Amino acid sequence: YKDAIEKFEDIERTQPFSDWATRGQIMAAYGHYRQGDYDAAIAGLERFIKLHPAHPQAAYVFYLRAMCY
């Protein structure tokens, strides 16, 4: 998961306005979740919610945040 997280975060840095960057935020948070790094996952998910509150995947992001707790 470590390599995947780095690649997803890199997409966000290099292409911040693309659809892939938005998906990458979710996937990076999921990677943190799977590694057991819940604090990093929650931080990423809350950032996503703040930036994209009406995104079609918002319900999944809230679910994943709840799983971290």
PDB file of N, CA and C in Angstrom:
ATOM      1  N   TYR A   1       0.806  -1.197   0.000  1.00  0.00           N
ATOM      2  CA  TYR A   1       0.000   0.000   0.000  1.00  0.00           C
ATOM      3  C   TYR A   1       0.848   1.258   0.000  1.00  0.00           C
ATOM      4  N   LYS A   2       2.025   1.166   0.557  1.00  0.00           N
ATOM      5  CA  LYS A   2       2.887   2.347   0.642  1.00  0.00           C
ATOM      6  C   LYS A   2       3.180   2.925  -0.749  1.00  0.00           C
ATOM      7  N   ASP A   3       3.554   2.075  -1.688  1.00  0.00           N
ATOM      8  CA  ASP A   3       3.845   2.548  -3.052  1.00  0.00           C
ATOM      9  C   ASP A   3       2.602   3.127  -3.710  1.00  0.00           C
ATOM     10  N   ALA A   4       1.475   2.476  -3.514  1.00  0.00           N
ATOM     11  CA  ALA A   4       0.227   2.962  -4.112  1.00  0.00           C
ATOM     12  C   ALA A   4      -0.147   4.331  -3.548  1.00  0.00           C
ATOM     13  N   ILE A   5      -0.008   4.495  -2.248  1.00  0.00           N
ATOM     14  CA  ILE A   5      -0.315   5.783  -1.619  1.00  0.00           C
ATOM     15  C   ILE A   5       0.546   6.877  -2.221  1.00  0.00           C
ATOM     16  N   GLU A   6       1.834   6.606  -2.364  1.00  0.00           N
ATOM     17  CA  GLU A   6       2.743   7.605  -2.931  1.00  0.00           C
ATOM     18  C   GLU A   6       2.335   7.968  -4.354  1.00  0.00           C
ATOM     19  N   LYS A   7       1.952   6.978  -5.143  1.00  0.00           N
ATOM     20  CA  LYS A   7       1.561   7.242  -6.533  1.00  0.00           C
ATOM     21  C   LYS A   7       0.256   8.032  -6.606  1.00  0.00           C
ATOM     22  N   PHE A   8      -0.708   7.696  -5.760  1.00  0.00           N
ATOM     23  CA  PHE A   8      -1.961   8.440  -5.759  1.00  0.00           C
ATOM     24  C   PHE A   8      -1.749   9.878  -5.301  1.00  0.00           C
ATOM     25  N   GLU A   9      -0.915  10.076  -4.299  1.00  0.00           N
ATOM     26  CA  GLU A   9      -0.624  11.435  -3.839  1.00  0.00           C
ATOM     27  C   GLU A   9       0.155  12.212  -4.892  1.00  0.00           C
ATOM     28  N   ASP A  10       0.998  11.522  -5.645  1.00  0.00           N
ATOM     29  CA  ASP A  10       1.745  12.177  -6.713  1.00  0.00           C
ATOM     30  C   ASP A  10       0.815  12.662  -7.827  1.00  0.00           C
ATOM     31  N   ILE A  11      -0.205  11.895  -8.137  1.00  0.00           N
ATOM     32  CA  ILE A  11      -1.182  12.320  -9.149  1.00  0.00           C
ATOM     33  C   ILE A  11      -1.845  13.622  -8.715  1.00  0.00           C
ATOM     34  N   GLU A  12      -2.179  13.699  -7.449  1.00  0.00           N
ATOM     35  CA  GLU A  12      -2.823  14.920  -6.949  1.00  0.00           C
ATOM     36  C   GLU A  12      -1.892  16.135  -7.057  1.00  0.00           C
ATOM     37  N   ARG A  13      -0.622  15.906  -6.817  1.00  0.00           N
ATOM     38  CA  ARG A  13       0.341  17.012  -6.911  1.00  0.00           C
ATOM     39  C   ARG A  13       0.586  17.431  -8.352  1.00  0.00           C
ATOM     40  N   THR A  14       0.696  16.476  -9.261  1.00  0.00           N
ATOM     41  CA  THR A  14       1.058  16.794 -10.638  1.00  0.00           C
ATOM     42  C   THR A  14      -0.135  17.191 -11.509  1.00  0.00           C
ATOM     43  N   GLN A  15      -1.316  16.677 -11.185  1.00  0.00           N
ATOM     44  CA  GLN A  15      -2.513  16.978 -11.975  1.00  0.00           C
ATOM     45  C   GLN A  15      -3.677  17.324 -11.041  1.00  0.00           C
ATOM     46  N   PRO A  16      -3.574  18.419 -10.306  1.00  0.00           N
ATOM     47  CA  PRO A  16      -4.535  18.697  -9.231  1.00  0.00           C
ATOM     48  C   PRO A  16      -5.985  18.907  -9.675  1.00  0.00           C
ATOM     49  N   PHE A  17      -6.217  19.261 -10.933  1.00  0.00           N
ATOM     50  CA  PHE A  17      -7.583  19.546 -11.367  1.00  0.00           C
ATOM     51  C   PHE A  17      -8.206  18.424 -12.193  1.00  0.00           C
ATOM     52  N   SER A  18      -7.540  17.287 -12.249  1.00  0.00           N
ATOM     53  CA  SER A  18      -8.057  16.170 -13.037  1.00  0.00           C
ATOM     54  C   SER A  18      -9.001  15.305 -12.196  1.00  0.00           C
ATOM     55  N   ASP A  19      -9.817  14.527 -12.880  1.00  0.00           N
ATOM     56  CA  ASP A  19     -10.703  13.580 -12.212  1.00  0.00           C
ATOM     57  C   ASP A  19      -9.887  12.516 -11.475  1.00  0.00           C
ATOM     58  N   TRP A  20      -8.743  12.180 -12.024  1.00  0.00           N
ATOM     59  CA  TRP A  20      -7.882  11.181 -11.387  1.00  0.00           C
ATOM     60  C   TRP A  20      -7.330  11.673 -10.054  1.00  0.00           C
ATOM     61  N   ALA A  21      -7.094  12.963  -9.939  1.00  0.00           N
ATOM     62  CA  ALA A  21      -6.606  13.511  -8.669  1.00  0.00           C
ATOM     63  C   ALA A  21      -7.664  13.348  -7.583  1.00  0.00           C
ATOM     64  N   THR A  22      -8.919  13.586  -7.950  1.00  0.00           N
ATOM     65  CA  THR A  22     -10.011  13.423  -6.997  1.00  0.00           C
ATOM     66  C   THR A  22     -10.129  11.969  -6.559  1.00  0.00           C
ATOM     67  N   ARG A  23     -10.070  11.065  -7.514  1.00  0.00           N
ATOM     68  CA  ARG A  23     -10.124   9.632  -7.185  1.00  0.00           C
ATOM     69  C   ARG A  23      -8.895   9.216  -6.384  1.00  0.00           C
ATOM     70  N   GLY A  24      -7.766   9.809  -6.722  1.00  0.00           N
ATOM     71  CA  GLY A  24      -6.528   9.498  -6.018  1.00  0.00           C
ATOM     72  C   GLY A  24      -6.585   9.855  -4.551  1.00  0.00           C
ATOM     73  N   GLN A  25      -7.301  10.935  -4.222  1.00  0.00           N
ATOM     74  CA  GLN A  25      -7.448  11.312  -2.815  1.00  0.00           C
ATOM     75  C   GLN A  25      -8.157  10.208  -2.035  1.00  0.00           C
ATOM     76  N   ILE A  26      -9.195   9.677  -2.636  1.00  0.00           N
ATOM     77  CA  ILE A  26      -9.946   8.599  -1.979  1.00  0.00           C
ATOM     78  C   ILE A  26      -9.083   7.354  -1.862  1.00  0.00           C
ATOM     79  N   MET A  27      -8.390   7.004  -2.928  1.00  0.00           N
ATOM     80  CA  MET A  27      -7.596   5.788  -2.926  1.00  0.00           C
ATOM     81  C   MET A  27      -6.398   5.891  -1.980  1.00  0.00           C
ATOM     82  N   ALA A  28      -5.797   7.064  -1.877  1.00  0.00           N
ATOM     83  CA  ALA A  28      -4.692   7.247  -0.930  1.00  0.00           C
ATOM     84  C   ALA A  28      -5.204   7.053   0.495  1.00  0.00           C
ATOM     85  N   ALA A  29      -6.367   7.617   0.787  1.00  0.00           N
ATOM     86  CA  ALA A  29      -6.955   7.451   2.117  1.00  0.00           C
ATOM     87  C   ALA A  29      -7.278   5.981   2.379  1.00  0.00           C
ATOM     88  N   TYR A  30      -7.779   5.285   1.362  1.00  0.00           N
ATOM     89  CA  TYR A  30      -8.067   3.857   1.508  1.00  0.00           C
ATOM     90  C   TYR A  30      -6.779   3.075   1.791  1.00  0.00           C
ATOM     91  N   GLY A  31      -5.705   3.448   1.124  1.00  0.00           N
ATOM     92  CA  GLY A  31      -4.415   2.811   1.373  1.00  0.00           C
ATOM     93  C   GLY A  31      -3.961   3.004   2.812  1.00  0.00           C
ATOM     94  N   HIS A  32      -4.128   4.211   3.314  1.00  0.00           N
ATOM     95  CA  HIS A  32      -3.783   4.480   4.715  1.00  0.00           C
ATOM     96  C   HIS A  32      -4.657   3.629   5.643  1.00  0.00           C
ATOM     97  N   TYR A  33      -5.938   3.543   5.291  1.00  0.00           N
ATOM     98  CA  TYR A  33      -6.866   2.731   6.087  1.00  0.00           C
ATOM     99  C   TYR A  33      -6.407   1.270   6.118  1.00  0.00           C
ATOM    100  N   ARG A  34      -6.070   0.717   4.971  1.00  0.00           N
ATOM    101  CA  ARG A  34      -5.663  -0.684   4.895  1.00  0.00           C
ATOM    102  C   ARG A  34      -4.348  -0.932   5.632  1.00  0.00           C
ATOM    103  N   GLN A  35      -3.505   0.075   5.715  1.00  0.00           N
ATOM    104  CA  GLN A  35      -2.245  -0.074   6.454  1.00  0.00           C
ATOM    105  C   GLN A  35      -2.456   0.052   7.959  1.00  0.00           C
ATOM    106  N   GLY A  36      -3.623   0.511   8.359  1.00  0.00           N
ATOM    107  CA  GLY A  36      -3.885   0.723   9.775  1.00  0.00           C
ATOM    108  C   GLY A  36      -3.480   2.098  10.248  1.00  0.00           C
ATOM    109  N   ASP A  37      -3.149   2.988   9.332  1.00  0.00           N
ATOM    110  CA  ASP A  37      -2.787   4.364   9.670  1.00  0.00           C
ATOM    111  C   ASP A  37      -4.056   5.211   9.616  1.00  0.00           C
ATOM    112  N   TYR A  38      -4.894   5.027  10.618  1.00  0.00           N
ATOM    113  CA  TYR A  38      -6.223   5.631  10.612  1.00  0.00           C
ATOM    114  C   TYR A  38      -6.191   7.148  10.715  1.00  0.00           C
ATOM    115  N   ASP A  39      -5.230   7.685  11.441  1.00  0.00           N
ATOM    116  CA  ASP A  39      -5.145   9.147  11.556  1.00  0.00           C
ATOM    117  C   ASP A  39      -4.893   9.793  10.195  1.00  0.00           C
ATOM    118  N   ALA A  40      -3.991   9.221   9.414  1.00  0.00           N
ATOM    119  CA  ALA A  40      -3.708   9.759   8.077  1.00  0.00           C
ATOM    120  C   ALA A  40      -4.910   9.570   7.161  1.00  0.00           C
ATOM    121  N   ALA A  41      -5.583   8.440   7.283  1.00  0.00           N
ATOM    122  CA  ALA A  41      -6.768   8.193   6.463  1.00  0.00           C
ATOM    123  C   ALA A  41      -7.863   9.206   6.783  1.00  0.00           C
ATOM    124  N   ILE A  42      -8.106   9.419   8.062  1.00  0.00           N
ATOM    125  CA  ILE A  42      -9.138  10.374   8.474  1.00  0.00           C
ATOM    126  C   ILE A  42      -8.794  11.779   7.989  1.00  0.00           C
ATOM    127  N   ALA A  43      -7.552  12.158   8.116  1.00  0.00           N
ATOM    128  CA  ALA A  43      -7.140  13.495   7.659  1.00  0.00           C
ATOM    129  C   ALA A  43      -7.396  13.664   6.164  1.00  0.00           C
ATOM    130  N   GLY A  44      -7.037  12.668   5.383  1.00  0.00           N
ATOM    131  CA  GLY A  44      -7.266  12.722   3.944  1.00  0.00           C
ATOM    132  C   GLY A  44      -8.737  12.732   3.592  1.00  0.00           C
ATOM    133  N   LEU A  45      -9.514  11.941   4.297  1.00  0.00           N
ATOM    134  CA  LEU A  45     -10.948  11.864   4.019  1.00  0.00           C
ATOM    135  C   LEU A  45     -11.657  13.158   4.404  1.00  0.00           C
ATOM    136  N   GLU A  46     -11.287  13.735   5.520  1.00  0.00           N
ATOM    137  CA  GLU A  46     -11.896  15.004   5.925  1.00  0.00           C
ATOM    138  C   GLU A  46     -11.528  16.118   4.954  1.00  0.00           C
ATOM    139  N   ARG A  47     -10.308  16.089   4.457  1.00  0.00           N
ATOM    140  CA  ARG A  47      -9.897  17.062   3.447  1.00  0.00           C
ATOM    141  C   ARG A  47     -10.734  16.889   2.180  1.00  0.00           C
ATOM    142  N   PHE A  48     -10.949  15.649   1.780  1.00  0.00           N
ATOM    143  CA  PHE A  48     -11.770  15.364   0.600  1.00  0.00           C
ATOM    144  C   PHE A  48     -13.191  15.893   0.796  1.00  0.00           C
ATOM    145  N   ILE A  49     -13.772  15.638   1.953  1.00  0.00           N
ATOM    146  CA  ILE A  49     -15.138  16.087   2.243  1.00  0.00           C
ATOM    147  C   ILE A  49     -15.219  17.611   2.194  1.00  0.00           C
ATOM    148  N   LYS A  50     -14.199  18.246   2.717  1.00  0.00           N
ATOM    149  CA  LYS A  50     -14.177  19.715   2.716  1.00  0.00           C
ATOM    150  C   LYS A  50     -14.098  20.270   1.292  1.00  0.00           C
ATOM    151  N   LEU A  51     -13.305  19.630   0.438  1.00  0.00           N
ATOM    152  CA  LEU A  51     -13.117  20.107  -0.934  1.00  0.00           C
ATOM    153  C   LEU A  51     -14.244  19.683  -1.878  1.00  0.00           C
ATOM    154  N   HIS A  52     -14.839  18.517  -1.637  1.00  0.00           N
ATOM    155  CA  HIS A  52     -15.821  17.946  -2.565  1.00  0.00           C
ATOM    156  C   HIS A  52     -17.061  17.429  -1.823  1.00  0.00           C
ATOM    157  N   PRO A  53     -17.808  18.284  -1.145  1.00  0.00           N
ATOM    158  CA  PRO A  53     -18.933  17.786  -0.338  1.00  0.00           C
ATOM    159  C   PRO A  53     -20.063  17.153  -1.147  1.00  0.00           C
ATOM    160  N   ALA A  54     -20.198  17.508  -2.415  1.00  0.00           N
ATOM    161  CA  ALA A  54     -21.295  16.976  -3.227  1.00  0.00           C
ATOM    162  C   ALA A  54     -20.820  15.927  -4.235  1.00  0.00           C
ATOM    163  N   HIS A  55     -19.620  15.409  -4.054  1.00  0.00           N
ATOM    164  CA  HIS A  55     -19.067  14.423  -4.980  1.00  0.00           C
ATOM    165  C   HIS A  55     -19.913  13.148  -4.941  1.00  0.00           C
ATOM    166  N   PRO A  56     -20.072  12.472  -6.079  1.00  0.00           N
ATOM    167  CA  PRO A  56     -20.859  11.227  -6.102  1.00  0.00           C
ATOM    168  C   PRO A  56     -20.338  10.148  -5.145  1.00  0.00           C
ATOM    169  N   GLN A  57     -19.061  10.172  -4.807  1.00  0.00           N
ATOM    170  CA  GLN A  57     -18.487   9.180  -3.896  1.00  0.00           C
ATOM    171  C   GLN A  57     -18.470   9.652  -2.441  1.00  0.00           C
ATOM    172  N   ALA A  58     -19.145  10.758  -2.140  1.00  0.00           N
ATOM    173  CA  ALA A  58     -19.121  11.313  -0.778  1.00  0.00           C
ATOM    174  C   ALA A  58     -19.646  10.308   0.255  1.00  0.00           C
ATOM    175  N   ALA A  59     -20.672   9.558  -0.089  1.00  0.00           N
ATOM    176  CA  ALA A  59     -21.213   8.581   0.863  1.00  0.00           C
ATOM    177  C   ALA A  59     -20.162   7.531   1.217  1.00  0.00           C
ATOM    178  N   TYR A  60     -19.417   7.076   0.223  1.00  0.00           N
ATOM    179  CA  TYR A  60     -18.346   6.111   0.481  1.00  0.00           C
ATOM    180  C   TYR A  60     -17.262   6.724   1.362  1.00  0.00           C
ATOM    181  N   VAL A  61     -16.939   7.985   1.123  1.00  0.00           N
ATOM    182  CA  VAL A  61     -15.911   8.661   1.919  1.00  0.00           C
ATOM    183  C   VAL A  61     -16.357   8.747   3.379  1.00  0.00           C
ATOM    184  N   PHE A  62     -17.622   9.074   3.615  1.00  0.00           N
ATOM    185  CA  PHE A  62     -18.140   9.103   4.985  1.00  0.00           C
ATOM    186  C   PHE A  62     -18.098   7.707   5.613  1.00  0.00           C
ATOM    187  N   TYR A  63     -18.437   6.695   4.835  1.00  0.00           N
ATOM    188  CA  TYR A  63     -18.389   5.313   5.316  1.00  0.00           C
ATOM    189  C   TYR A  63     -16.962   4.924   5.710  1.00  0.00           C
ATOM    190  N   LEU A  64     -16.014   5.247   4.838  1.00  0.00           N
ATOM    191  CA  LEU A  64     -14.620   4.899   5.110  1.00  0.00           C
ATOM    192  C   LEU A  64     -14.107   5.633   6.347  1.00  0.00           C
ATOM    193  N   ARG A  65     -14.514   6.891   6.493  1.00  0.00           N
ATOM    194  CA  ARG A  65     -14.115   7.645   7.696  1.00  0.00           C
ATOM    195  C   ARG A  65     -14.686   6.979   8.940  1.00  0.00           C
ATOM    196  N   ALA A  66     -15.929   6.538   8.878  1.00  0.00           N
ATOM    197  CA  ALA A  66     -16.543   5.855  10.030  1.00  0.00           C
ATOM    198  C   ALA A  66     -15.793   4.561  10.338  1.00  0.00           C
ATOM    199  N   MET A  67     -15.375   3.836   9.327  1.00  0.00           N
ATOM    200  CA  MET A  67     -14.618   2.599   9.538  1.00  0.00           C
ATOM    201  C   MET A  67     -13.283   2.877  10.242  1.00  0.00           C
ATOM    202  N   CYS A  68     -12.704   4.031   9.981  1.00  0.00           N
ATOM    203  CA  CYS A  68     -11.430   4.388  10.632  1.00  0.00           C
ATOM    204  C   CYS A  68     -11.614   4.601  12.127  1.00  0.00           C
ATOM    205  N   TYR A  69     -12.785   5.095  12.510  1.00  0.00           N
ATOM    206  CA  TYR A  69     -13.038   5.304  13.924  1.00  0.00           C
ATOM    207  C   TYR A  69     -13.374   3.985  14.596  1.00  0.00           C
TER     208      TYR A  69
END
